[in-house]
Protein backbone atom coordinates (compact mmCIF):
# COMPACT_ATOMS: atom_id res chain seq x y z
CA MET A 1 18.42 -29.88 24.45
CA THR A 2 19.30 -27.36 27.17
CA TYR A 3 18.55 -24.44 24.87
CA LEU A 4 15.26 -26.01 23.79
CA PHE A 5 14.13 -26.16 27.43
CA ILE A 6 15.17 -22.52 27.88
CA LEU A 7 13.08 -21.49 24.86
CA ILE A 8 10.05 -23.43 26.09
CA GLY A 9 10.37 -22.06 29.63
CA TYR A 10 10.74 -18.48 28.46
CA SER A 11 7.78 -18.83 26.07
CA VAL A 12 5.59 -20.10 28.92
CA LEU A 13 6.70 -17.20 31.13
CA MET A 14 5.80 -14.58 28.49
CA ILE A 15 2.41 -16.14 27.91
CA ALA A 16 1.72 -16.32 31.66
CA LEU A 17 2.66 -12.65 32.17
CA GLY A 18 0.52 -11.57 29.22
CA LEU A 19 -2.49 -13.48 30.52
CA PHE A 20 -1.97 -12.11 34.03
CA TRP A 21 -1.98 -8.48 32.95
CA SER A 22 -4.78 -9.02 30.42
CA ARG A 23 -7.27 -9.45 33.29
CA ARG A 24 -7.61 -5.66 33.47
CA VAL A 25 -8.52 -5.29 29.79
CA ALA A 26 -12.27 -4.65 29.72
CA ALA A 27 -12.69 -2.31 26.75
CA SER A 28 -11.20 -1.51 23.37
CA GLY A 29 -9.58 1.62 24.81
CA ASP A 30 -7.51 -0.62 27.12
CA PHE A 31 -6.55 -2.87 24.19
CA PHE A 32 -5.68 -0.10 21.72
CA VAL A 33 -4.21 2.70 23.88
CA ALA A 34 -3.85 1.14 27.37
CA GLY A 35 -6.46 3.54 28.74
CA ARG A 36 -4.06 6.45 27.97
CA GLY A 37 -2.31 5.70 31.23
CA LEU A 38 1.28 4.81 30.27
CA SER A 39 3.91 6.58 32.35
CA ALA A 40 7.18 7.86 30.89
CA GLY A 41 8.88 4.70 32.12
CA LEU A 42 6.35 2.42 30.41
CA VAL A 43 6.54 4.48 27.18
CA PHE A 44 10.33 4.16 27.28
CA SER A 45 10.36 0.43 27.97
CA THR A 46 7.64 -0.56 25.51
CA LEU A 47 9.25 1.49 22.71
CA LEU A 48 12.80 0.33 23.36
CA ALA A 49 11.66 -3.28 23.71
CA ALA A 50 9.81 -3.03 20.40
CA ASN A 51 12.65 -1.21 18.58
CA ILE A 52 15.32 -3.70 19.62
CA GLY A 53 14.03 -6.55 17.48
CA ALA A 54 15.20 -8.79 14.68
CA GLY A 55 16.71 -5.96 12.66
CA SER A 56 18.53 -4.50 15.66
CA THR A 57 20.00 -7.84 16.79
CA VAL A 58 20.26 -10.67 14.23
CA GLY A 59 20.12 -8.27 11.26
CA ALA A 60 22.52 -5.68 12.73
CA ALA A 61 25.02 -8.37 13.76
CA GLY A 62 24.86 -9.73 10.20
CA LEU A 63 25.59 -6.26 8.82
CA GLY A 64 28.45 -5.89 11.32
CA TYR A 65 29.84 -9.25 10.20
CA ARG A 66 29.68 -8.12 6.55
CA ASP A 67 30.46 -4.37 6.72
CA GLY A 68 32.15 -3.71 10.07
CA LEU A 69 31.68 -0.58 12.21
CA SER A 70 29.67 1.32 9.57
CA ALA A 71 26.76 -1.02 10.35
CA TRP A 72 26.24 1.17 13.45
CA TRP A 73 24.17 3.45 11.23
CA TRP A 74 21.46 0.80 10.84
CA VAL A 75 20.25 1.14 14.46
CA GLY A 76 21.86 4.56 14.94
CA SER A 77 19.60 6.07 12.27
CA ALA A 78 16.59 4.74 14.13
CA GLY A 79 17.87 6.48 17.27
CA ILE A 80 18.24 9.78 15.41
CA GLY A 81 14.71 9.48 14.07
CA SER A 82 13.43 8.76 17.58
CA LEU A 83 15.11 11.90 18.95
CA ILE A 84 13.32 13.99 16.33
CA LEU A 85 10.05 12.23 17.20
CA ALA A 86 10.44 12.98 20.91
CA PHE A 87 10.52 16.77 20.53
CA THR A 88 8.45 17.44 17.39
CA VAL A 89 5.85 14.99 16.06
CA GLY A 90 5.30 12.93 19.23
CA PRO A 91 3.91 15.57 21.64
CA LYS A 92 1.91 17.31 18.91
CA ILE A 93 0.15 14.20 17.58
CA TRP A 94 -0.47 12.98 21.16
CA ARG A 95 -2.42 16.18 21.87
CA VAL A 96 -4.54 15.69 18.75
CA ALA A 97 -5.19 12.05 19.67
CA ARG A 98 -6.16 12.91 23.26
CA ASP A 99 -8.42 15.81 22.37
CA ASN A 100 -10.29 13.83 19.68
CA ASN A 101 -10.18 10.35 21.27
CA LEU A 102 -8.15 8.88 18.40
CA PHE A 103 -6.85 5.30 18.74
CA THR A 104 -4.80 4.78 15.56
CA VAL A 105 -2.78 6.71 12.98
CA GLY A 106 -5.62 5.87 10.59
CA ASP A 107 -8.01 7.70 12.93
CA TYR A 108 -5.71 10.73 12.76
CA LEU A 109 -5.58 10.66 8.94
CA GLU A 110 -9.37 10.47 8.77
CA PHE A 111 -9.68 13.33 11.27
CA ARG A 112 -7.20 15.53 9.33
CA PHE A 113 -8.22 14.52 5.80
CA ASP A 114 -10.97 11.95 5.18
CA ARG A 115 -11.75 8.23 5.06
CA ARG A 116 -10.03 7.75 1.68
CA VAL A 117 -6.63 8.68 3.09
CA LYS A 118 -7.25 6.45 6.10
CA ALA A 119 -8.16 3.50 3.89
CA MET A 120 -5.22 3.93 1.55
CA ALA A 121 -2.73 4.20 4.42
CA ALA A 122 -4.28 1.21 6.19
CA VAL A 123 -4.01 -1.06 3.13
CA LEU A 124 -0.42 -0.01 2.27
CA LEU A 125 0.75 -0.36 5.86
CA TRP A 126 -1.01 -3.67 6.32
CA ILE A 127 1.02 -5.06 3.42
CA GLY A 128 4.25 -3.60 4.71
CA SER A 129 3.63 -4.62 8.29
CA LEU A 130 3.27 -8.26 7.33
CA ALA A 131 6.81 -8.01 5.93
CA ILE A 132 8.26 -6.75 9.22
CA LEU A 133 6.33 -9.36 11.20
CA ALA A 134 7.87 -11.97 8.89
CA ALA A 135 11.32 -10.50 9.63
CA GLN A 136 10.88 -11.06 13.38
CA LEU A 137 9.68 -14.61 12.80
CA VAL A 138 12.60 -15.34 10.45
CA ALA A 139 15.03 -14.24 13.19
CA MET A 140 13.33 -16.46 15.76
CA GLU A 141 13.27 -19.38 13.34
CA GLN A 142 17.04 -19.00 12.80
CA ILE A 143 17.55 -19.03 16.58
CA PHE A 144 15.41 -22.15 16.97
CA ARG A 145 17.24 -23.89 14.13
CA VAL A 146 20.77 -23.22 15.36
CA THR A 147 20.18 -23.68 19.07
CA ALA A 148 17.54 -26.42 19.24
CA GLY A 149 17.51 -28.04 15.80
CA VAL A 150 13.88 -27.00 15.14
CA GLY A 151 12.92 -27.01 11.44
CA ARG A 152 12.17 -23.82 9.53
CA THR A 153 8.40 -24.24 9.25
CA ALA A 154 8.00 -25.47 12.82
CA GLY A 155 10.18 -22.60 14.12
CA CYS A 156 8.11 -19.92 12.37
CA LEU A 157 4.82 -21.41 13.59
CA LEU A 158 6.10 -21.82 17.15
CA ALA A 159 7.24 -18.20 17.33
CA ALA A 160 3.95 -16.94 15.87
CA THR A 161 1.99 -18.99 18.42
CA VAL A 162 3.78 -17.53 21.44
CA ILE A 163 3.35 -13.93 20.25
CA THR A 164 -0.30 -14.42 19.35
CA ILE A 165 -1.34 -15.83 22.71
CA TYR A 166 0.14 -13.17 24.97
CA PHE A 167 -0.68 -10.24 22.64
CA THR A 168 -4.25 -11.30 21.84
CA ALA A 169 -5.07 -11.58 25.53
CA GLY A 170 -4.40 -7.97 26.47
CA GLY A 171 -3.27 -5.76 23.57
CA LEU A 172 -1.19 -2.71 24.48
CA HIS A 173 -2.16 -2.84 28.17
CA SER A 174 -0.51 -6.23 28.75
CA THR A 175 2.30 -6.02 26.16
CA ALA A 176 3.55 -2.70 27.55
CA ARG A 177 4.10 -4.46 30.87
CA VAL A 178 5.50 -7.66 29.39
CA ASN A 179 7.90 -5.44 27.44
CA VAL A 180 9.44 -4.20 30.70
CA VAL A 181 10.53 -7.76 31.52
CA GLN A 182 11.73 -8.32 27.96
CA MET A 183 13.75 -5.09 27.92
CA ILE A 184 15.56 -5.96 31.16
CA VAL A 185 16.39 -9.47 29.93
CA LYS A 186 17.64 -8.33 26.52
CA LEU A 187 19.82 -5.46 27.75
CA PHE A 188 21.38 -7.50 30.54
CA GLY A 189 21.90 -10.52 28.29
CA PHE A 190 23.46 -8.62 25.38
CA LEU A 191 25.77 -6.46 27.47
CA LEU A 192 27.05 -9.36 29.54
CA ALA A 193 27.55 -11.55 26.45
CA LEU A 194 29.43 -8.76 24.61
CA ALA A 195 31.70 -8.15 27.60
CA PHE A 196 32.57 -11.85 27.76
CA LEU A 197 33.16 -12.16 24.00
CA PHE A 198 35.31 -9.02 23.88
CA TRP A 199 37.43 -10.23 26.83
CA ALA A 200 37.78 -13.71 25.31
CA SER A 201 38.89 -12.14 21.98
CA GLY A 202 41.90 -10.50 23.66
CA GLY A 203 40.85 -6.87 23.29
CA TRP A 204 40.41 -4.50 20.36
CA ASN A 205 43.90 -4.73 18.85
CA VAL A 206 43.90 -8.53 18.80
CA LEU A 207 40.36 -8.56 17.42
CA GLN A 208 41.33 -6.18 14.60
CA SER A 209 44.39 -8.15 13.54
CA LYS A 210 42.53 -11.47 13.63
CA THR A 211 39.54 -10.14 11.69
CA ALA A 212 41.80 -8.51 9.09
CA THR A 213 43.04 -11.92 7.97
CA SER A 214 39.57 -12.67 6.55
CA LEU A 215 39.33 -9.36 4.68
CA PRO A 216 40.81 -8.16 1.37
CA PRO A 217 43.68 -5.74 2.21
CA GLU A 218 41.94 -2.81 0.49
CA LYS A 219 38.84 -3.21 2.66
CA THR A 220 40.47 -3.51 6.07
CA ASP A 221 40.55 0.21 6.89
CA LEU A 222 36.95 0.69 5.70
CA TYR A 223 35.77 -2.27 7.79
CA PHE A 224 37.00 -0.60 11.00
CA ASN A 225 35.72 2.88 10.07
CA LEU A 226 32.35 4.21 11.26
CA PHE A 227 31.99 5.90 7.87
CA GLY A 228 33.37 2.96 5.91
CA ALA A 229 30.11 2.59 3.97
CA GLY A 230 30.78 5.98 2.36
CA ALA A 231 28.43 8.95 2.09
CA SER A 232 25.94 7.03 -0.01
CA GLY A 233 25.85 4.14 2.45
CA VAL A 234 25.28 6.39 5.48
CA LEU A 235 22.70 8.42 3.56
CA GLY A 236 20.96 5.19 2.61
CA TYR A 237 20.60 4.13 6.25
CA LEU A 238 19.38 7.62 7.26
CA ALA A 239 16.87 7.82 4.41
CA LEU A 240 15.50 4.34 5.08
CA LEU A 241 15.29 4.34 8.89
CA MET A 242 15.15 7.91 10.23
CA PRO A 243 11.73 8.82 8.70
CA SER A 244 10.30 5.40 9.59
CA PHE A 245 10.93 5.97 13.28
CA ILE A 246 9.17 9.33 13.12
CA VAL A 247 5.93 8.20 11.45
CA SER A 248 5.67 4.47 12.24
CA PRO A 249 2.07 3.66 13.34
CA GLY A 250 3.40 1.02 15.73
CA ILE A 251 5.38 3.70 17.56
CA LEU A 252 2.86 6.53 17.31
CA GLN A 253 0.00 4.38 18.56
CA LYS A 254 2.03 3.44 21.62
CA ILE A 255 2.59 7.16 22.16
CA PHE A 256 -1.22 7.63 22.02
CA GLY A 257 -1.30 5.52 25.21
CA ALA A 258 0.90 7.99 27.17
CA SER A 259 -0.61 9.68 30.20
CA ASP A 260 0.62 13.19 29.30
CA GLU A 261 2.99 15.17 27.07
CA ARG A 262 5.86 14.86 29.51
CA ALA A 263 5.56 11.07 29.35
CA VAL A 264 5.79 11.31 25.55
CA ARG A 265 8.86 13.54 25.46
CA THR A 266 10.73 11.77 28.27
CA GLY A 267 9.82 8.22 27.29
CA VAL A 268 10.59 8.64 23.57
CA ALA A 269 13.82 10.58 24.25
CA TRP A 270 15.17 7.89 26.57
CA ASN A 271 14.22 5.29 23.98
CA ALA A 272 16.27 7.25 21.42
CA ILE A 273 19.29 7.40 23.72
CA GLY A 274 18.95 3.67 24.34
CA LEU A 275 18.95 2.94 20.62
CA LEU A 276 21.99 5.16 19.97
CA ALA A 277 23.93 3.39 22.72
CA PHE A 278 22.76 -0.13 21.86
CA ALA A 279 23.57 0.30 18.15
CA ILE A 280 27.22 -0.68 18.64
CA VAL A 281 26.47 -3.89 20.58
CA PRO A 282 25.26 -6.19 17.78
CA VAL A 283 27.81 -4.66 15.40
CA MET A 284 30.68 -5.59 17.70
CA MET A 285 29.23 -9.09 18.04
CA GLY A 286 29.17 -9.36 14.26
CA ILE A 287 32.83 -8.29 14.06
CA ILE A 288 33.77 -10.84 16.74
CA ALA A 289 31.88 -13.52 14.81
CA ARG A 290 33.83 -12.55 11.65
CA SER A 291 37.10 -13.09 13.54
CA GLN A 292 36.01 -16.53 14.74
CA PHE A 293 33.86 -17.81 11.84
CA PRO A 294 35.10 -16.08 8.66
CA ASN A 295 33.22 -18.36 6.26
CA LEU A 296 29.61 -18.32 7.42
CA GLU A 297 27.08 -19.22 4.75
CA LYS A 298 24.85 -16.25 5.72
CA PRO A 299 25.98 -13.15 7.70
CA GLU A 300 22.72 -13.26 9.68
CA LEU A 301 23.88 -16.51 11.27
CA ALA A 302 26.65 -14.60 13.09
CA LEU A 303 24.71 -14.10 16.33
CA PRO A 304 23.24 -17.62 16.57
CA GLN A 305 26.71 -19.02 15.82
CA LEU A 306 28.29 -17.05 18.67
CA LEU A 307 25.52 -18.16 20.98
CA THR A 308 26.06 -21.86 20.37
CA HIS A 309 29.86 -22.02 19.87
CA SER A 310 31.52 -19.11 21.68
CA LEU A 311 29.73 -18.80 25.00
CA PRO A 312 29.46 -21.06 28.04
CA THR A 313 26.04 -22.68 28.36
CA TRP A 314 24.84 -20.45 31.20
CA LEU A 315 25.72 -17.26 29.28
CA GLY A 316 24.48 -18.70 26.00
CA GLY A 317 21.16 -19.38 27.70
CA LEU A 318 20.99 -15.80 28.94
CA LEU A 319 21.77 -14.42 25.47
CA LEU A 320 19.18 -16.78 24.02
CA GLY A 321 16.59 -15.32 26.38
CA ALA A 322 17.71 -11.81 25.36
CA LEU A 323 17.45 -12.64 21.65
CA PHE A 324 14.06 -14.26 22.08
CA SER A 325 12.91 -11.22 24.06
CA ALA A 326 14.08 -8.91 21.29
CA GLU A 327 12.21 -10.72 18.55
CA LEU A 328 9.07 -11.24 20.64
CA SER A 329 8.78 -7.58 21.71
CA ALA A 330 9.30 -6.31 18.16
CA ALA A 331 6.83 -8.84 16.76
CA ASP A 332 4.10 -7.93 19.25
CA ALA A 333 4.55 -4.25 18.27
CA VAL A 334 3.96 -5.17 14.64
CA LEU A 335 0.98 -7.33 15.55
CA PHE A 336 -0.37 -4.32 17.44
CA MET A 337 -0.01 -2.20 14.30
CA LEU A 338 -1.75 -4.82 12.13
CA THR A 339 -4.66 -5.52 14.44
CA THR A 340 -5.44 -1.87 15.13
CA SER A 341 -5.31 -1.13 11.40
CA LEU A 342 -7.64 -3.99 10.52
CA GLY A 343 -9.97 -3.61 13.49
CA LYS A 344 -10.33 0.14 13.81
CA ASP A 345 -9.29 1.56 10.44
CA LEU A 346 -10.95 -0.96 8.13
CA TYR A 347 -13.57 -3.01 9.99
CA LYS A 348 -15.22 -0.28 12.09
CA THR A 349 -14.78 2.47 9.52
CA PHE A 350 -15.95 0.67 6.38
CA LEU A 351 -17.50 -2.73 7.17
CA HIS A 352 -19.43 -2.27 10.43
CA PRO A 353 -19.49 1.37 11.58
CA LYS A 354 -22.04 0.57 14.31
CA ALA A 355 -19.91 -2.17 15.88
CA ASP A 356 -19.92 -1.89 19.65
CA ASP A 357 -16.91 -2.07 21.94
CA LYS A 358 -17.23 -5.81 22.50
CA GLN A 359 -17.43 -6.56 18.76
CA LEU A 360 -14.40 -4.37 18.01
CA LEU A 361 -12.34 -6.12 20.66
CA LYS A 362 -13.33 -9.52 19.28
CA VAL A 363 -12.40 -8.53 15.70
CA ALA A 364 -9.03 -7.15 16.85
CA ARG A 365 -8.20 -10.45 18.54
CA MET A 366 -9.31 -12.49 15.52
CA ALA A 367 -7.19 -10.25 13.29
CA ALA A 368 -4.16 -10.96 15.49
CA VAL A 369 -4.52 -14.70 14.90
CA VAL A 370 -4.93 -14.34 11.13
CA CYS A 371 -2.03 -11.87 10.81
CA SER A 372 0.25 -14.19 12.80
CA LEU A 373 -0.47 -17.04 10.43
CA LEU A 374 0.11 -14.85 7.36
CA GLY A 375 3.35 -13.53 8.88
CA ALA A 376 4.53 -17.10 9.49
CA GLY A 377 3.83 -17.97 5.87
CA LEU A 378 5.82 -14.95 4.63
CA ALA A 379 8.66 -15.77 7.01
CA ILE A 380 8.96 -19.25 5.51
CA TRP A 381 9.11 -17.64 2.05
CA PHE A 382 11.48 -14.68 2.79
CA GLY A 383 14.27 -16.33 4.77
CA SER A 384 16.12 -13.00 5.31
CA VAL A 385 15.63 -10.47 8.12
CA ILE A 386 17.11 -7.42 6.36
CA ALA A 387 15.34 -8.10 3.04
CA ALA A 388 11.96 -8.17 4.77
CA LEU A 389 12.72 -5.07 6.84
CA ARG A 390 13.80 -3.02 3.84
CA ILE A 391 10.41 -3.61 2.19
CA PHE A 392 8.59 -2.44 5.32
CA TYR A 393 10.67 0.65 6.03
CA THR A 394 10.61 1.78 2.41
CA LEU A 395 6.84 1.37 2.07
CA LEU A 396 6.22 3.00 5.46
CA SER A 397 8.23 6.14 4.68
CA ALA A 398 6.97 6.45 1.11
CA ALA A 399 3.32 6.11 2.12
CA LEU A 400 3.09 7.97 5.44
CA LEU A 401 5.83 10.58 5.81
CA LEU A 402 4.31 13.34 3.64
CA PRO A 403 0.61 13.16 4.58
CA LEU A 404 1.30 12.75 8.29
CA LEU A 405 3.84 15.56 8.64
CA ALA A 406 2.12 17.93 6.23
CA GLY A 407 -1.24 17.32 7.88
CA LEU A 408 0.21 17.89 11.33
CA PHE A 409 2.13 21.09 10.59
CA SER A 410 0.12 22.74 7.79
CA LYS A 411 -3.59 23.45 7.32
CA ARG A 412 -3.21 24.16 3.60
CA VAL A 413 -2.61 20.58 2.45
CA THR A 414 -5.84 19.17 1.04
CA THR A 415 -7.12 15.61 0.97
CA ARG A 416 -6.53 15.34 -2.79
CA ALA A 417 -2.98 16.65 -2.32
CA ALA A 418 -2.32 14.07 0.42
CA ILE A 419 -3.59 11.18 -1.73
CA THR A 420 -1.57 12.37 -4.72
CA ALA A 421 1.55 12.66 -2.55
CA MET A 422 1.14 9.09 -1.24
CA LEU A 423 0.56 7.58 -4.68
CA THR A 424 3.40 9.54 -6.30
CA SER A 425 5.91 8.79 -3.55
CA VAL A 426 5.16 5.05 -3.43
CA THR A 427 5.09 4.70 -7.24
CA VAL A 428 8.34 6.61 -7.91
CA THR A 429 10.19 4.95 -5.04
CA PHE A 430 9.35 1.36 -6.00
CA ALA A 431 9.76 2.03 -9.72
CA LEU A 432 13.31 3.27 -9.08
CA GLU A 433 13.95 0.36 -6.69
CA ARG A 434 13.00 -2.03 -9.49
CA LEU A 435 14.96 -0.23 -12.21
CA THR A 436 18.14 0.10 -10.14
CA ASN A 437 17.91 -3.25 -8.30
CA GLY A 438 17.62 -1.38 -4.98
CA GLN A 439 20.83 0.61 -5.52
CA GLY A 440 19.25 4.04 -6.05
CA LYS A 441 20.45 6.59 -8.60
CA TRP A 442 23.70 8.62 -8.49
CA GLY A 443 24.48 7.26 -5.03
CA THR A 444 21.13 8.55 -3.69
CA PRO A 445 18.46 6.17 -2.30
CA SER A 446 15.30 5.73 -4.36
CA LEU A 447 13.21 6.79 -1.35
CA ILE A 448 14.64 10.32 -1.46
CA PHE A 449 13.63 10.73 -5.11
CA GLY A 450 10.20 9.27 -4.37
CA THR A 451 9.61 11.54 -1.39
CA ALA A 452 10.78 14.59 -3.35
CA ALA A 453 8.41 13.72 -6.21
CA GLY A 454 5.55 13.23 -3.76
CA PHE A 455 6.32 16.56 -2.06
CA LEU A 456 6.29 18.45 -5.38
CA ALA A 457 3.03 16.77 -6.37
CA MET A 458 1.48 17.66 -3.01
CA ILE A 459 2.49 21.33 -3.30
CA LEU A 460 1.28 21.53 -6.91
CA ILE A 461 -2.16 20.05 -6.18
CA SER A 462 -2.60 22.23 -3.09
CA LEU A 463 -1.74 25.40 -5.06
CA ILE A 464 -4.10 24.47 -7.91
CA GLN A 465 -6.96 23.80 -5.50
CA GLN A 466 -6.27 27.02 -3.59
CA LYS A 467 -6.26 28.98 -6.85
CA ASN A 468 -9.57 27.40 -7.92
CA ARG A 469 -11.16 28.37 -4.62
CA LEU A 470 -9.98 31.97 -4.99
CA THR A 471 -10.97 32.32 -8.64
CA PRO A 472 -14.52 33.74 -8.90
CA SER A 473 -16.89 31.66 -10.98
CA PRO A 474 -18.23 33.28 -14.22
CA MET A 475 -21.69 34.81 -14.01
């Protein structure tokens, strides 16, 4: 009952803060890009808050419970991708967005190619984004179930309701500021809880020996090895997560809200450092859970189990607030991605090009409500954080990596080449995923083969079109 009151109180606080800051949202530019006024500190906090979500907490602790220290690469790969973003793609695409008043990644794709590329990317990402929204809601539902006895359906709907209210009120303008509070709560809560759990476990040597009793002898050394997943396992994490954190619309569109290039570089770089450092925290919690609860039904229950059985109530309540903050901040980032895609990329571009600012804002808010309900439905169906996230990250990288990077760094890539690259990459990737049951081929992730096939197709089409332009027509 104590934890239920904490959840209710924290939900009310987030809603109140969102409504308070939403008072300054008067136009779609405030909702979509926060008036392009985010400082480096706000860029850092809103990105880190969004990136430490269900996958980085409940999911990463589950991987740590199952695989040990090598699970660091799950969040660590995201940090590496963010470092690349900070000094390459981020500043460059921010300049393009500022100079051409672009609000979304779809706007950029239309500007660089045409409306067909924008539409295709919007539809693919809309499907994938629903999967990652479902992942956040699954994590929150698991927390509600373990800590407060709330049923699965009720938990998903409750979580969706909280996110929808405070996001719909103010878009990026209000969520960027709510994210500051959420980031402080989650970092303080997780670090304090880990310190207590580690001390209570008796230190690293005691923790190792106790955990080893639940492992097969041949797997003990691998479990406590950062590279225990092997080259293919590490490559799989890098291939899945590193590109996603370079081209994710949810991240790039927050960057569009930065006040200047320095805010982009500094804010994104500090976010990357935060991810690289935080990556070990949920993994260690998963290992501690393995030492205390070696027979959990699902690895993803490791964190909720620690919260309710291994911490004093006051610290459990703080960790609960940190967990809830993590899932909320990641979910509102996904909702941001969905609503901007539906409102700006699809509605205004194809359905009602003459829609005024007031109409666009209204549609964006309506889209947030609909997407939350759809996400809740998928969360009830999925039931697994990592399963949902894998779908999103795979689709995101396969669809966006090639056209976005090629369009940004080369003027020779044509619209037809970009469309061919997207279709080829997505088709080959998911065909191989299906044929190999998600295991890839020859120890190499399917996404790498799909991206390589898309790249070759893009080069081939560009060369053919360039040759046709240079070939004189017959008299």
